[in-house]
Amino acid sequence: MASNGARIKVSREPRRQLNNRAAWITVDDGVTENACAVVDISPGGAKITTEVEFDVKDRLALTRLADHAKRSPCVVVWRRGKT
């Protein structure tokens, strides 16, 4: 295999941060709020778990800091049990 010395730059997805931090899921337009844990997170998504299984529609809001009012809107891509 011949090489002319040029390298091809491979674009990779940013690594997920593994942090397992406490957060809050808000559903029903802010009516229902449940505690959860963010298992890992990246610019493209997050994996969260809850202590109990509860009904989450296709959209929710995720708050990662207890004293922070900013909620990140999220779309549910998949779900399995408490994850």
PDB file of N, CA and C in Angstrom:
ATOM      1  N   MET A   1       0.837  -1.174   0.000  1.00  0.00           N
ATOM      2  CA  MET A   1       0.000   0.000   0.000  1.00  0.00           C
ATOM      3  C   MET A   1       0.884   1.240   0.000  1.00  0.00           C
ATOM      4  N   ALA A   2       0.685   2.090  -0.953  1.00  0.00           N
ATOM      5  CA  ALA A   2       1.491   3.305  -1.071  1.00  0.00           C
ATOM      6  C   ALA A   2       0.859   4.427  -0.264  1.00  0.00           C
ATOM      7  N   SER A   3       1.693   5.275   0.266  1.00  0.00           N
ATOM      8  CA  SER A   3       1.212   6.393   1.052  1.00  0.00           C
ATOM      9  C   SER A   3       1.897   7.663   0.585  1.00  0.00           C
ATOM     10  N   ASN A   4       1.105   8.703   0.386  1.00  0.00           N
ATOM     11  CA  ASN A   4       1.703   9.966  -0.031  1.00  0.00           C
ATOM     12  C   ASN A   4       1.945  10.894   1.162  1.00  0.00           C
ATOM     13  N   GLY A   5       1.753  10.391   2.352  1.00  0.00           N
ATOM     14  CA  GLY A   5       2.013  11.181   3.551  1.00  0.00           C
ATOM     15  C   GLY A   5       0.820  11.973   4.054  1.00  0.00           C
ATOM     16  N   ALA A   6      -0.225  12.103   3.255  1.00  0.00           N
ATOM     17  CA  ALA A   6      -1.408  12.851   3.701  1.00  0.00           C
ATOM     18  C   ALA A   6      -2.236  11.989   4.647  1.00  0.00           C
ATOM     19  N   ARG A   7      -2.681  12.580   5.716  1.00  0.00           N
ATOM     20  CA  ARG A   7      -3.502  11.861   6.679  1.00  0.00           C
ATOM     21  C   ARG A   7      -4.949  12.295   6.529  1.00  0.00           C
ATOM     22  N   ILE A   8      -5.822  11.357   6.676  1.00  0.00           N
ATOM     23  CA  ILE A   8      -7.247  11.649   6.630  1.00  0.00           C
ATOM     24  C   ILE A   8      -7.716  11.891   8.056  1.00  0.00           C
ATOM     25  N   LYS A   9      -8.356  13.021   8.269  1.00  0.00           N
ATOM     26  CA  LYS A   9      -8.860  13.350   9.595  1.00  0.00           C
ATOM     27  C   LYS A   9     -10.192  12.636   9.805  1.00  0.00           C
ATOM     28  N   VAL A  10     -10.274  11.878  10.879  1.00  0.00           N
ATOM     29  CA  VAL A  10     -11.484  11.139  11.209  1.00  0.00           C
ATOM     30  C   VAL A  10     -12.240  11.914  12.275  1.00  0.00           C
ATOM     31  N   SER A  11     -13.464  12.261  11.958  1.00  0.00           N
ATOM     32  CA  SER A  11     -14.292  12.982  12.915  1.00  0.00           C
ATOM     33  C   SER A  11     -14.969  11.988  13.841  1.00  0.00           C
ATOM     34  N   ARG A  12     -14.791  12.163  15.115  1.00  0.00           N
ATOM     35  CA  ARG A  12     -15.375  11.254  16.090  1.00  0.00           C
ATOM     36  C   ARG A  12     -16.384  11.989  16.951  1.00  0.00           C
ATOM     37  N   GLU A  13     -17.355  11.243  17.416  1.00  0.00           N
ATOM     38  CA  GLU A  13     -18.344  11.806  18.317  1.00  0.00           C
ATOM     39  C   GLU A  13     -17.662  12.086  19.659  1.00  0.00           C
ATOM     40  N   PRO A  14     -18.002  13.210  20.296  1.00  0.00           N
ATOM     41  CA  PRO A  14     -17.403  13.506  21.601  1.00  0.00           C
ATOM     42  C   PRO A  14     -17.674  12.381  22.596  1.00  0.00           C
ATOM     43  N   ARG A  15     -16.728  12.144  23.466  1.00  0.00           N
ATOM     44  CA  ARG A  15     -16.893  11.101  24.478  1.00  0.00           C
ATOM     45  C   ARG A  15     -18.000  11.459  25.455  1.00  0.00           C
ATOM     46  N   ARG A  16     -18.652  10.431  25.928  1.00  0.00           N
ATOM     47  CA  ARG A  16     -19.673  10.620  26.956  1.00  0.00           C
ATOM     48  C   ARG A  16     -18.972  10.823  28.297  1.00  0.00           C
ATOM     49  N   GLN A  17     -19.548  11.671  29.099  1.00  0.00           N
ATOM     50  CA  GLN A  17     -19.048  11.870  30.448  1.00  0.00           C
ATOM     51  C   GLN A  17     -19.830  10.943  31.370  1.00  0.00           C
ATOM     52  N   LEU A  18     -19.120  10.123  32.092  1.00  0.00           N
ATOM     53  CA  LEU A  18     -19.768   9.220  33.034  1.00  0.00           C
ATOM     54  C   LEU A  18     -19.791   9.912  34.385  1.00  0.00           C
ATOM     55  N   ASN A  19     -20.984  10.242  34.854  1.00  0.00           N
ATOM     56  CA  ASN A  19     -20.997  10.989  36.106  1.00  0.00           C
ATOM     57  C   ASN A  19     -22.020  10.503  37.115  1.00  0.00           C
ATOM     58  N   ASN A  20     -23.075   9.831  36.715  1.00  0.00           N
ATOM     59  CA  ASN A  20     -24.076   9.284  37.635  1.00  0.00           C
ATOM     60  C   ASN A  20     -24.524  10.311  38.679  1.00  0.00           C
ATOM     61  N   ARG A  21     -24.865  11.499  38.210  1.00  0.00           N
ATOM     62  CA  ARG A  21     -25.274  12.589  39.104  1.00  0.00           C
ATOM     63  C   ARG A  21     -26.781  12.695  39.227  1.00  0.00           C
ATOM     64  N   ALA A  22     -27.201  13.221  40.348  1.00  0.00           N
ATOM     65  CA  ALA A  22     -28.630  13.425  40.598  1.00  0.00           C
ATOM     66  C   ALA A  22     -29.178  14.501  39.665  1.00  0.00           C
ATOM     67  N   ALA A  23     -30.406  14.289  39.196  1.00  0.00           N
ATOM     68  CA  ALA A  23     -31.079  15.250  38.331  1.00  0.00           C
ATOM     69  C   ALA A  23     -32.582  15.081  38.530  1.00  0.00           C
ATOM     70  N   TRP A  24     -33.359  15.851  37.756  1.00  0.00           N
ATOM     71  CA  TRP A  24     -34.815  15.798  37.882  1.00  0.00           C
ATOM     72  C   TRP A  24     -35.449  15.765  36.508  1.00  0.00           C
ATOM     73  N   ILE A  25     -36.425  14.884  36.350  1.00  0.00           N
ATOM     74  CA  ILE A  25     -37.202  14.795  35.113  1.00  0.00           C
ATOM     75  C   ILE A  25     -38.517  15.514  35.370  1.00  0.00           C
ATOM     76  N   THR A  26     -38.889  16.391  34.460  1.00  0.00           N
ATOM     77  CA  THR A  26     -40.169  17.092  34.556  1.00  0.00           C
ATOM     78  C   THR A  26     -41.013  16.704  33.351  1.00  0.00           C
ATOM     79  N   VAL A  27     -42.223  16.236  33.612  1.00  0.00           N
ATOM     80  CA  VAL A  27     -43.142  15.849  32.538  1.00  0.00           C
ATOM     81  C   VAL A  27     -44.468  16.568  32.729  1.00  0.00           C
ATOM     82  N   ASP A  28     -45.365  16.388  31.796  1.00  0.00           N
ATOM     83  CA  ASP A  28     -46.708  16.988  31.872  1.00  0.00           C
ATOM     84  C   ASP A  28     -46.658  18.505  32.012  1.00  0.00           C
ATOM     85  N   ASP A  29     -45.795  19.154  31.214  1.00  0.00           N
ATOM     86  CA  ASP A  29     -45.666  20.616  31.240  1.00  0.00           C
ATOM     87  C   ASP A  29     -45.349  21.164  32.619  1.00  0.00           C
ATOM     88  N   GLY A  30     -44.512  20.468  33.360  1.00  0.00           N
ATOM     89  CA  GLY A  30     -44.069  20.946  34.657  1.00  0.00           C
ATOM     90  C   GLY A  30     -44.910  20.498  35.832  1.00  0.00           C
ATOM     91  N   VAL A  31     -45.951  19.722  35.573  1.00  0.00           N
ATOM     92  CA  VAL A  31     -46.832  19.280  36.651  1.00  0.00           C
ATOM     93  C   VAL A  31     -46.178  18.190  37.504  1.00  0.00           C
ATOM     94  N   THR A  32     -45.500  17.249  36.856  1.00  0.00           N
ATOM     95  CA  THR A  32     -44.903  16.118  37.562  1.00  0.00           C
ATOM     96  C   THR A  32     -43.395  16.193  37.485  1.00  0.00           C
ATOM     97  N   GLU A  33     -42.732  16.058  38.638  1.00  0.00           N
ATOM     98  CA  GLU A  33     -41.274  16.074  38.697  1.00  0.00           C
ATOM     99  C   GLU A  33     -40.809  14.847  39.467  1.00  0.00           C
ATOM    100  N   ASN A  34     -39.826  14.131  38.919  1.00  0.00           N
ATOM    101  CA  ASN A  34     -39.295  12.927  39.559  1.00  0.00           C
ATOM    102  C   ASN A  34     -37.778  12.986  39.593  1.00  0.00           C
ATOM    103  N   ALA A  35     -37.211  12.478  40.668  1.00  0.00           N
ATOM    104  CA  ALA A  35     -35.756  12.409  40.786  1.00  0.00           C
ATOM    105  C   ALA A  35     -35.230  11.332  39.850  1.00  0.00           C
ATOM    106  N   CYS A  36     -34.020  11.545  39.337  1.00  0.00           N
ATOM    107  CA  CYS A  36     -33.375  10.557  38.483  1.00  0.00           C
ATOM    108  C   CYS A  36     -31.872  10.698  38.642  1.00  0.00           C
ATOM    109  N   ALA A  37     -31.138   9.824  37.973  1.00  0.00           N
ATOM    110  CA  ALA A  37     -29.680   9.913  37.942  1.00  0.00           C
ATOM    111  C   ALA A  37     -29.238   9.928  36.495  1.00  0.00           C
ATOM    112  N   VAL A  38     -28.358  10.870  36.158  1.00  0.00           N
ATOM    113  CA  VAL A  38     -27.785  10.928  34.814  1.00  0.00           C
ATOM    114  C   VAL A  38     -26.589   9.981  34.822  1.00  0.00           C
ATOM    115  N   VAL A  39     -26.733   8.850  34.133  1.00  0.00           N
ATOM    116  CA  VAL A  39     -25.682   7.835  34.094  1.00  0.00           C
ATOM    117  C   VAL A  39     -24.528   8.320  33.231  1.00  0.00           C
ATOM    118  N   ASP A  40     -24.832   8.785  32.031  1.00  0.00           N
ATOM    119  CA  ASP A  40     -23.820   9.401  31.180  1.00  0.00           C
ATOM    120  C   ASP A  40     -24.495  10.410  30.274  1.00  0.00           C
ATOM    121  N   ILE A  41     -23.682  11.339  29.764  1.00  0.00           N
ATOM    122  CA  ILE A  41     -24.237  12.428  28.966  1.00  0.00           C
ATOM    123  C   ILE A  41     -23.210  12.859  27.917  1.00  0.00           C
ATOM    124  N   SER A  42     -23.696  13.240  26.757  1.00  0.00           N
ATOM    125  CA  SER A  42     -22.858  13.760  25.677  1.00  0.00           C
ATOM    126  C   SER A  42     -23.660  14.834  24.967  1.00  0.00           C
ATOM    127  N   PRO A  43     -23.056  15.563  24.039  1.00  0.00           N
ATOM    128  CA  PRO A  43     -23.827  16.573  23.306  1.00  0.00           C
ATOM    129  C   PRO A  43     -25.013  15.975  22.542  1.00  0.00           C
ATOM    130  N   GLY A  44     -24.942  14.683  22.220  1.00  0.00           N
ATOM    131  CA  GLY A  44     -26.013  14.052  21.451  1.00  0.00           C
ATOM    132  C   GLY A  44     -27.095  13.380  22.270  1.00  0.00           C
ATOM    133  N   GLY A  45     -26.919  13.277  23.581  1.00  0.00           N
ATOM    134  CA  GLY A  45     -27.949  12.619  24.380  1.00  0.00           C
ATOM    135  C   GLY A  45     -27.495  12.297  25.781  1.00  0.00           C
ATOM    136  N   ALA A  46     -28.407  11.702  26.527  1.00  0.00           N
ATOM    137  CA  ALA A  46     -28.125  11.334  27.910  1.00  0.00           C
ATOM    138  C   ALA A  46     -28.814  10.018  28.230  1.00  0.00           C
ATOM    139  N   LYS A  47     -28.232   9.282  29.149  1.00  0.00           N
ATOM    140  CA  LYS A  47     -28.843   8.061  29.659  1.00  0.00           C
ATOM    141  C   LYS A  47     -29.181   8.318  31.114  1.00  0.00           C
ATOM    142  N   ILE A  48     -30.457   8.177  31.445  1.00  0.00           N
ATOM    143  CA  ILE A  48     -30.900   8.450  32.813  1.00  0.00           C
ATOM    144  C   ILE A  48     -31.629   7.241  33.381  1.00  0.00           C
ATOM    145  N   THR A  49     -31.572   7.109  34.692  1.00  0.00           N
ATOM    146  CA  THR A  49     -32.288   6.047  35.385  1.00  0.00           C
ATOM    147  C   THR A  49     -33.114   6.651  36.514  1.00  0.00           C
ATOM    148  N   THR A  50     -34.162   5.949  36.901  1.00  0.00           N
ATOM    149  CA  THR A  50     -35.022   6.376  38.001  1.00  0.00           C
ATOM    150  C   THR A  50     -35.120   5.250  39.021  1.00  0.00           C
ATOM    151  N   GLU A  51     -35.520   5.590  40.233  1.00  0.00           N
ATOM    152  CA  GLU A  51     -35.696   4.593  41.286  1.00  0.00           C
ATOM    153  C   GLU A  51     -36.926   3.728  41.024  1.00  0.00           C
ATOM    154  N   VAL A  52     -37.967   4.344  40.509  1.00  0.00           N
ATOM    155  CA  VAL A  52     -39.205   3.630  40.221  1.00  0.00           C
ATOM    156  C   VAL A  52     -39.590   3.848  38.760  1.00  0.00           C
ATOM    157  N   GLU A  53     -40.280   2.883  38.203  1.00  0.00           N
ATOM    158  CA  GLU A  53     -40.766   3.010  36.839  1.00  0.00           C
ATOM    159  C   GLU A  53     -41.976   3.930  36.829  1.00  0.00           C
ATOM    160  N   PHE A  54     -42.010   4.883  35.922  1.00  0.00           N
ATOM    161  CA  PHE A  54     -43.185   5.735  35.784  1.00  0.00           C
ATOM    162  C   PHE A  54     -43.376   6.081  34.324  1.00  0.00           C
ATOM    163  N   ASP A  55     -44.565   6.498  33.979  1.00  0.00           N
ATOM    164  CA  ASP A  55     -44.933   6.749  32.599  1.00  0.00           C
ATOM    165  C   ASP A  55     -44.327   8.056  32.107  1.00  0.00           C
ATOM    166  N   VAL A  56     -43.475   7.966  31.094  1.00  0.00           N
ATOM    167  CA  VAL A  56     -42.887   9.137  30.458  1.00  0.00           C
ATOM    168  C   VAL A  56     -43.317   9.115  29.002  1.00  0.00           C
ATOM    169  N   LYS A  57     -43.887  10.196  28.564  1.00  0.00           N
ATOM    170  CA  LYS A  57     -44.309  10.301  27.164  1.00  0.00           C
ATOM    171  C   LYS A  57     -43.078  10.459  26.280  1.00  0.00           C
ATOM    172  N   ASP A  58     -43.243  11.010  25.099  1.00  0.00           N
ATOM    173  CA  ASP A  58     -42.137  11.151  24.165  1.00  0.00           C
ATOM    174  C   ASP A  58     -41.258  12.366  24.433  1.00  0.00           C
ATOM    175  N   ARG A  59     -41.708  13.270  25.294  1.00  0.00           N
ATOM    176  CA  ARG A  59     -40.932  14.474  25.605  1.00  0.00           C
ATOM    177  C   ARG A  59     -40.877  14.682  27.118  1.00  0.00           C
ATOM    178  N   LEU A  60     -39.765  15.250  27.572  1.00  0.00           N
ATOM    179  CA  LEU A  60     -39.598  15.580  28.983  1.00  0.00           C
ATOM    180  C   LEU A  60     -38.607  16.714  29.085  1.00  0.00           C
ATOM    181  N   ALA A  61     -38.440  17.228  30.271  1.00  0.00           N
ATOM    182  CA  ALA A  61     -37.424  18.247  30.543  1.00  0.00           C
ATOM    183  C   ALA A  61     -36.481  17.675  31.587  1.00  0.00           C
ATOM    184  N   LEU A  62     -35.196  17.944  31.439  1.00  0.00           N
ATOM    185  CA  LEU A  62     -34.183  17.437  32.353  1.00  0.00           C
ATOM    186  C   LEU A  62     -33.499  18.616  33.021  1.00  0.00           C
ATOM    187  N   THR A  63     -33.479  18.608  34.349  1.00  0.00           N
ATOM    188  CA  THR A  63     -32.789  19.623  35.138  1.00  0.00           C
ATOM    189  C   THR A  63     -31.634  18.925  35.833  1.00  0.00           C
ATOM    190  N   ARG A  64     -30.412  19.373  35.551  1.00  0.00           N
ATOM    191  CA  ARG A  64     -29.245  18.692  36.100  1.00  0.00           C
ATOM    192  C   ARG A  64     -28.713  19.289  37.389  1.00  0.00           C
ATOM    193  N   LEU A  65     -29.104  20.504  37.733  1.00  0.00           N
ATOM    194  CA  LEU A  65     -28.625  21.135  38.961  1.00  0.00           C
ATOM    195  C   LEU A  65     -29.804  21.506  39.844  1.00  0.00           C
ATOM    196  N   ALA A  66     -29.689  21.223  41.109  1.00  0.00           N
ATOM    197  CA  ALA A  66     -30.796  21.452  42.031  1.00  0.00           C
ATOM    198  C   ALA A  66     -31.220  22.913  42.104  1.00  0.00           C
ATOM    199  N   ASP A  67     -30.265  23.817  42.095  1.00  0.00           N
ATOM    200  CA  ASP A  67     -30.589  25.232  42.250  1.00  0.00           C
ATOM    201  C   ASP A  67     -30.638  25.967  40.916  1.00  0.00           C
ATOM    202  N   HIS A  68     -30.741  25.248  39.834  1.00  0.00           N
ATOM    203  CA  HIS A  68     -30.730  25.851  38.499  1.00  0.00           C
ATOM    204  C   HIS A  68     -32.115  25.731  37.875  1.00  0.00           C
ATOM    205  N   ALA A  69     -32.656  26.818  37.436  1.00  0.00           N
ATOM    206  CA  ALA A  69     -34.010  26.817  36.890  1.00  0.00           C
ATOM    207  C   ALA A  69     -34.073  26.371  35.429  1.00  0.00           C
ATOM    208  N   LYS A  70     -32.921  26.265  34.766  1.00  0.00           N
ATOM    209  CA  LYS A  70     -32.915  25.902  33.351  1.00  0.00           C
ATOM    210  C   LYS A  70     -33.224  24.425  33.167  1.00  0.00           C
ATOM    211  N   ARG A  71     -34.246  24.165  32.381  1.00  0.00           N
ATOM    212  CA  ARG A  71     -34.611  22.793  32.051  1.00  0.00           C
ATOM    213  C   ARG A  71     -34.278  22.543  30.595  1.00  0.00           C
ATOM    214  N   SER A  72     -33.599  21.454  30.324  1.00  0.00           N
ATOM    215  CA  SER A  72     -33.261  21.097  28.947  1.00  0.00           C
ATOM    216  C   SER A  72     -34.377  20.248  28.361  1.00  0.00           C
ATOM    217  N   PRO A  73     -34.976  20.687  27.257  1.00  0.00           N
ATOM    218  CA  PRO A  73     -36.021  19.868  26.640  1.00  0.00           C
ATOM    219  C   PRO A  73     -35.395  18.621  26.009  1.00  0.00           C
ATOM    220  N   CYS A  74     -36.055  17.479  26.174  1.00  0.00           N
ATOM    221  CA  CYS A  74     -35.524  16.208  25.678  1.00  0.00           C
ATOM    222  C   CYS A  74     -36.612  15.428  24.949  1.00  0.00           C
ATOM    223  N   VAL A  75     -36.178  14.627  24.000  1.00  0.00           N
ATOM    224  CA  VAL A  75     -37.054  13.704  23.280  1.00  0.00           C
ATOM    225  C   VAL A  75     -36.610  12.301  23.648  1.00  0.00           C
ATOM    226  N   VAL A  76     -37.540  11.459  24.049  1.00  0.00           N
ATOM    227  CA  VAL A  76     -37.223  10.084  24.424  1.00  0.00           C
ATOM    228  C   VAL A  76     -36.977   9.279  23.148  1.00  0.00           C
ATOM    229  N   VAL A  77     -35.804   8.653  23.073  1.00  0.00           N
ATOM    230  CA  VAL A  77     -35.451   7.838  21.909  1.00  0.00           C
ATOM    231  C   VAL A  77     -35.725   6.369  22.188  1.00  0.00           C
ATOM    232  N   TRP A  78     -35.387   5.915  23.381  1.00  0.00           N
ATOM    233  CA  TRP A  78     -35.704   4.553  23.785  1.00  0.00           C
ATOM    234  C   TRP A  78     -35.868   4.513  25.289  1.00  0.00           C
ATOM    235  N   ARG A  79     -36.507   3.486  25.756  1.00  0.00           N
ATOM    236  CA  ARG A  79     -36.702   3.287  27.202  1.00  0.00           C
ATOM    237  C   ARG A  79     -36.752   1.800  27.491  1.00  0.00           C
ATOM    238  N   ARG A  80     -36.269   1.447  28.658  1.00  0.00           N
ATOM    239  CA  ARG A  80     -36.266   0.059  29.097  1.00  0.00           C
ATOM    240  C   ARG A  80     -36.357   0.056  30.612  1.00  0.00           C
ATOM    241  N   GLY A  81     -37.517  -0.306  31.137  1.00  0.00           N
ATOM    242  CA  GLY A  81     -37.691  -0.366  32.586  1.00  0.00           C
ATOM    243  C   GLY A  81     -37.481   0.985  33.229  1.00  0.00           C
ATOM    244  N   LYS A  82     -36.518   1.063  34.125  1.00  0.00           N
ATOM    245  CA  LYS A  82     -36.223   2.302  34.842  1.00  0.00           C
ATOM    246  C   LYS A  82     -35.160   3.144  34.141  1.00  0.00           C
ATOM    247  N   THR A  83     -34.754   2.757  32.942  1.00  0.00           N
ATOM    248  CA  THR A  83     -33.714   3.473  32.192  1.00  0.00           C
ATOM    249  C   THR A  83     -34.321   4.192  31.010  1.00  0.00           C
TER     250      THR A  83
END
